[in-house]
Amino acid sequence: MTFDVLAPAYPWVKSVHLMAVIAWMAGLFYLPRLFVYHSQVAVGGEQDALFKVMERRLIRAIMNPAMILAWLLGITLVLTPGVVSWTAGWWHVKLASVLGMTWFHHHLSLGRKAMERGERPRTERYWRAMNEVPTLLMVAIVLMVIVKPF
């Protein structure tokens, strides 16, 4: 199901969607890095308090709004005539990757809340490894959207 009325707005919707995705990705790259450094400081100290503020502001002021906007505009794009061929297979991989990115966002949000409570449920090494997840998902998404291999 598509809506013809969306066709004239397509370049604008796509542009703002891409900007929202870039902002969201920036947060997904930066928050695990903050967690790496936050894991190294003593609970209750000045640096701990600073990291808590930085992490909370990043997720609430940048990441959450960017993710919501990316999703809303992404849905708008797929409802635009001619954007998605529903018989092609690439969009399944793209959707699965975006769902993975959304899960990762939620995982980071839970990590932030734990850090805010003074807990350290994950190690510095774990957060270093998690810093690679958005890159892998981004590669899959970009290849599916641009190359459309199947």
C-alpha atoms as a PDB file:
ATOM      1  CA  MET A   1       0.000   0.000   0.000  1.00  0.00           C
ATOM      2  CA  THR A   2       1.390   3.391  -1.012  1.00  0.00           C
ATOM      3  CA  PHE A   3       0.085   6.944  -1.020  1.00  0.00           C
ATOM      4  CA  ASP A   4       0.495   9.027  -4.196  1.00  0.00           C
ATOM      5  CA  VAL A   5       0.284  12.257  -2.213  1.00  0.00           C
ATOM      6  CA  LEU A   6       3.737  11.470  -0.725  1.00  0.00           C
ATOM      7  CA  ALA A   7       5.552  11.397  -4.088  1.00  0.00           C
ATOM      8  CA  PRO A   8       6.208  15.168  -4.393  1.00  0.00           C
ATOM      9  CA  ALA A   9       7.685  15.278  -0.872  1.00  0.00           C
ATOM     10  CA  TYR A  10       9.993  12.311  -1.504  1.00  0.00           C
ATOM     11  CA  PRO A  11      13.306  14.227  -1.837  1.00  0.00           C
ATOM     12  CA  TRP A  12      12.565  16.224   1.321  1.00  0.00           C
ATOM     13  CA  VAL A  13      11.480  13.213   3.338  1.00  0.00           C
ATOM     14  CA  LYS A  14      14.526  11.244   2.185  1.00  0.00           C
ATOM     15  CA  SER A  15      16.875  14.136   3.029  1.00  0.00           C
ATOM     16  CA  VAL A  16      15.537  14.639   6.546  1.00  0.00           C
ATOM     17  CA  HIS A  17      15.438  10.866   7.068  1.00  0.00           C
ATOM     18  CA  LEU A  18      19.132  10.666   6.176  1.00  0.00           C
ATOM     19  CA  MET A  19      19.959  13.538   8.563  1.00  0.00           C
ATOM     20  CA  ALA A  20      18.067  11.800  11.373  1.00  0.00           C
ATOM     21  CA  VAL A  21      19.888   8.533  10.672  1.00  0.00           C
ATOM     22  CA  ILE A  22      23.260  10.319  10.760  1.00  0.00           C
ATOM     23  CA  ALA A  23      22.422  11.920  14.122  1.00  0.00           C
ATOM     24  CA  TRP A  24      21.188   8.590  15.493  1.00  0.00           C
ATOM     25  CA  MET A  25      24.311   6.783  14.269  1.00  0.00           C
ATOM     26  CA  ALA A  26      26.561   9.417  15.831  1.00  0.00           C
ATOM     27  CA  GLY A  27      24.958   8.675  19.195  1.00  0.00           C
ATOM     28  CA  LEU A  28      25.167   4.922  18.675  1.00  0.00           C
ATOM     29  CA  PHE A  29      28.898   5.295  18.035  1.00  0.00           C
ATOM     30  CA  TYR A  30      29.560   7.748  20.862  1.00  0.00           C
ATOM     31  CA  LEU A  31      27.548   6.313  23.784  1.00  0.00           C
ATOM     32  CA  PRO A  32      29.435   2.988  24.002  1.00  0.00           C
ATOM     33  CA  ARG A  33      32.681   4.983  23.925  1.00  0.00           C
ATOM     34  CA  LEU A  34      31.413   7.066  26.850  1.00  0.00           C
ATOM     35  CA  PHE A  35      30.601   3.818  28.656  1.00  0.00           C
ATOM     36  CA  VAL A  36      34.201   2.635  28.115  1.00  0.00           C
ATOM     37  CA  TYR A  37      35.515   5.712  29.906  1.00  0.00           C
ATOM     38  CA  HIS A  38      32.706   5.760  32.471  1.00  0.00           C
ATOM     39  CA  SER A  39      33.508   2.160  33.439  1.00  0.00           C
ATOM     40  CA  GLN A  40      36.994   3.294  34.440  1.00  0.00           C
ATOM     41  CA  VAL A  41      35.975   5.922  37.014  1.00  0.00           C
ATOM     42  CA  ALA A  42      34.963   5.495  40.652  1.00  0.00           C
ATOM     43  CA  VAL A  43      31.248   5.409  41.448  1.00  0.00           C
ATOM     44  CA  GLY A  44      30.061   8.585  43.159  1.00  0.00           C
ATOM     45  CA  GLY A  45      32.972  10.769  42.113  1.00  0.00           C
ATOM     46  CA  GLU A  46      33.009  13.990  40.113  1.00  0.00           C
ATOM     47  CA  GLN A  47      33.850  12.220  36.853  1.00  0.00           C
ATOM     48  CA  ASP A  48      31.061   9.709  37.463  1.00  0.00           C
ATOM     49  CA  ALA A  49      28.572  12.569  37.801  1.00  0.00           C
ATOM     50  CA  LEU A  50      29.887  14.222  34.624  1.00  0.00           C
ATOM     51  CA  PHE A  51      29.570  11.009  32.588  1.00  0.00           C
ATOM     52  CA  LYS A  52      26.013  10.516  33.849  1.00  0.00           C
ATOM     53  CA  VAL A  53      25.021  13.970  32.618  1.00  0.00           C
ATOM     54  CA  MET A  54      26.747  13.495  29.256  1.00  0.00           C
ATOM     55  CA  GLU A  55      25.139  10.089  28.687  1.00  0.00           C
ATOM     56  CA  ARG A  56      21.662  11.217  29.739  1.00  0.00           C
ATOM     57  CA  ARG A  57      21.766  14.304  27.511  1.00  0.00           C
ATOM     58  CA  LEU A  58      23.100  12.333  24.544  1.00  0.00           C
ATOM     59  CA  ILE A  59      20.372   9.729  24.673  1.00  0.00           C
ATOM     60  CA  ARG A  60      17.478  12.038  25.539  1.00  0.00           C
ATOM     61  CA  ALA A  61      18.312  15.106  23.453  1.00  0.00           C
ATOM     62  CA  ILE A  62      19.913  13.515  20.391  1.00  0.00           C
ATOM     63  CA  MET A  63      19.536   9.758  20.114  1.00  0.00           C
ATOM     64  CA  ASN A  64      15.880   9.289  21.084  1.00  0.00           C
ATOM     65  CA  PRO A  65      14.522  12.121  18.900  1.00  0.00           C
ATOM     66  CA  ALA A  66      16.763  11.085  15.982  1.00  0.00           C
ATOM     67  CA  MET A  67      15.672   7.438  16.224  1.00  0.00           C
ATOM     68  CA  ILE A  68      11.987   8.377  16.356  1.00  0.00           C
ATOM     69  CA  LEU A  69      12.347  10.747  13.406  1.00  0.00           C
ATOM     70  CA  ALA A  70      14.333   8.156  11.410  1.00  0.00           C
ATOM     71  CA  TRP A  71      11.612   5.566  11.998  1.00  0.00           C
ATOM     72  CA  LEU A  72       8.717   7.910  11.166  1.00  0.00           C
ATOM     73  CA  LEU A  73      10.343   9.186   8.000  1.00  0.00           C
ATOM     74  CA  GLY A  74      11.475   5.683   7.033  1.00  0.00           C
ATOM     75  CA  ILE A  75       7.887   4.487   7.264  1.00  0.00           C
ATOM     76  CA  THR A  76       6.826   7.508   5.215  1.00  0.00           C
ATOM     77  CA  LEU A  77       9.407   6.579   2.575  1.00  0.00           C
ATOM     78  CA  VAL A  78       8.188   2.995   2.223  1.00  0.00           C
ATOM     79  CA  LEU A  79       4.643   4.291   1.821  1.00  0.00           C
ATOM     80  CA  THR A  80       5.787   6.464  -1.104  1.00  0.00           C
ATOM     81  CA  PRO A  81       5.055   4.928  -4.529  1.00  0.00           C
ATOM     82  CA  GLY A  82       8.059   3.366  -6.262  1.00  0.00           C
ATOM     83  CA  VAL A  83      10.432   3.415  -3.297  1.00  0.00           C
ATOM     84  CA  VAL A  84      10.251  -0.253  -2.308  1.00  0.00           C
ATOM     85  CA  SER A  85       9.628  -3.235  -4.521  1.00  0.00           C
ATOM     86  CA  TRP A  86       7.873  -5.583  -2.123  1.00  0.00           C
ATOM     87  CA  THR A  87       8.917  -8.584  -4.213  1.00  0.00           C
ATOM     88  CA  ALA A  88      12.627  -7.814  -3.741  1.00  0.00           C
ATOM     89  CA  GLY A  89      14.502  -9.413  -0.857  1.00  0.00           C
ATOM     90  CA  TRP A  90      16.878  -6.590   0.118  1.00  0.00           C
ATOM     91  CA  TRP A  91      14.310  -4.724   2.199  1.00  0.00           C
ATOM     92  CA  HIS A  92      13.935  -7.720   4.534  1.00  0.00           C
ATOM     93  CA  VAL A  93      17.636  -7.527   5.426  1.00  0.00           C
ATOM     94  CA  LYS A  94      17.432  -3.755   5.757  1.00  0.00           C
ATOM     95  CA  LEU A  95      14.414  -3.992   8.065  1.00  0.00           C
ATOM     96  CA  ALA A  96      16.096  -6.689  10.165  1.00  0.00           C
ATOM     97  CA  SER A  97      19.191  -4.482  10.449  1.00  0.00           C
ATOM     98  CA  VAL A  98      17.131  -1.436  11.472  1.00  0.00           C
ATOM     99  CA  LEU A  99      15.360  -3.569  14.075  1.00  0.00           C
ATOM    100  CA  GLY A 100      18.820  -4.659  15.272  1.00  0.00           C
ATOM    101  CA  MET A 101      19.873  -1.010  15.483  1.00  0.00           C
ATOM    102  CA  THR A 102      16.747  -0.229  17.501  1.00  0.00           C
ATOM    103  CA  TRP A 103      17.466  -3.156  19.845  1.00  0.00           C
ATOM    104  CA  PHE A 104      21.040  -1.881  20.253  1.00  0.00           C
ATOM    105  CA  HIS A 105      19.699   1.590  21.088  1.00  0.00           C
ATOM    106  CA  HIS A 106      17.496   0.017  23.772  1.00  0.00           C
ATOM    107  CA  HIS A 107      20.462  -2.003  25.070  1.00  0.00           C
ATOM    108  CA  LEU A 108      22.491   1.200  25.398  1.00  0.00           C
ATOM    109  CA  SER A 109      19.592   2.885  27.166  1.00  0.00           C
ATOM    110  CA  LEU A 110      19.482   0.081  29.725  1.00  0.00           C
ATOM    111  CA  GLY A 111      23.254   0.365  30.137  1.00  0.00           C
ATOM    112  CA  ARG A 112      22.938   4.094  30.764  1.00  0.00           C
ATOM    113  CA  LYS A 113      20.278   3.557  33.410  1.00  0.00           C
ATOM    114  CA  ALA A 114      22.457   0.968  35.150  1.00  0.00           C
ATOM    115  CA  MET A 115      25.442   3.352  35.132  1.00  0.00           C
ATOM    116  CA  GLU A 116      23.225   6.095  36.513  1.00  0.00           C
ATOM    117  CA  ARG A 117      22.308   3.828  39.434  1.00  0.00           C
ATOM    118  CA  GLY A 118      26.006   3.283  40.110  1.00  0.00           C
ATOM    119  CA  GLU A 119      26.054  -0.221  38.695  1.00  0.00           C
ATOM    120  CA  ARG A 120      28.713  -1.519  36.326  1.00  0.00           C
ATOM    121  CA  PRO A 121      27.038  -4.593  34.804  1.00  0.00           C
ATOM    122  CA  ARG A 122      29.379  -4.643  31.798  1.00  0.00           C
ATOM    123  CA  THR A 123      33.129  -4.303  31.518  1.00  0.00           C
ATOM    124  CA  GLU A 124      35.127  -1.737  29.626  1.00  0.00           C
ATOM    125  CA  ARG A 125      36.094  -4.508  27.189  1.00  0.00           C
ATOM    126  CA  TYR A 126      32.432  -5.356  26.574  1.00  0.00           C
ATOM    127  CA  TRP A 127      31.622  -1.741  25.675  1.00  0.00           C
ATOM    128  CA  ARG A 128      34.659  -1.591  23.361  1.00  0.00           C
ATOM    129  CA  ALA A 129      33.310  -4.620  21.499  1.00  0.00           C
ATOM    130  CA  MET A 130      29.784  -3.193  21.438  1.00  0.00           C
ATOM    131  CA  ASN A 131      31.165  -0.079  19.793  1.00  0.00           C
ATOM    132  CA  GLU A 132      31.484  -2.159  16.585  1.00  0.00           C
ATOM    133  CA  VAL A 133      27.827  -3.238  16.411  1.00  0.00           C
ATOM    134  CA  PRO A 134      26.457  -0.060  14.792  1.00  0.00           C
ATOM    135  CA  THR A 135      29.169  -0.205  12.122  1.00  0.00           C
ATOM    136  CA  LEU A 136      28.185  -3.739  11.093  1.00  0.00           C
ATOM    137  CA  LEU A 137      24.508  -2.827  10.992  1.00  0.00           C
ATOM    138  CA  MET A 138      25.234   0.352   9.029  1.00  0.00           C
ATOM    139  CA  VAL A 139      27.185  -1.625   6.411  1.00  0.00           C
ATOM    140  CA  ALA A 140      24.270  -4.021   5.948  1.00  0.00           C
ATOM    141  CA  ILE A 141      21.727  -1.184   5.715  1.00  0.00           C
ATOM    142  CA  VAL A 142      23.710   0.914   3.232  1.00  0.00           C
ATOM    143  CA  LEU A 143      24.478  -2.074   1.001  1.00  0.00           C
ATOM    144  CA  MET A 144      20.849  -3.142   0.958  1.00  0.00           C
ATOM    145  CA  VAL A 145      19.540   0.347   0.140  1.00  0.00           C
ATOM    146  CA  ILE A 146      22.172   1.350  -2.413  1.00  0.00           C
ATOM    147  CA  VAL A 147      23.228  -1.928  -4.059  1.00  0.00           C
ATOM    148  CA  LYS A 148      19.949  -3.853  -3.566  1.00  0.00           C
ATOM    149  CA  PRO A 149      21.773  -7.147  -4.177  1.00  0.00           C
ATOM    150  CA  PHE A 150      18.632  -9.276  -4.267  1.00  0.00           C
END
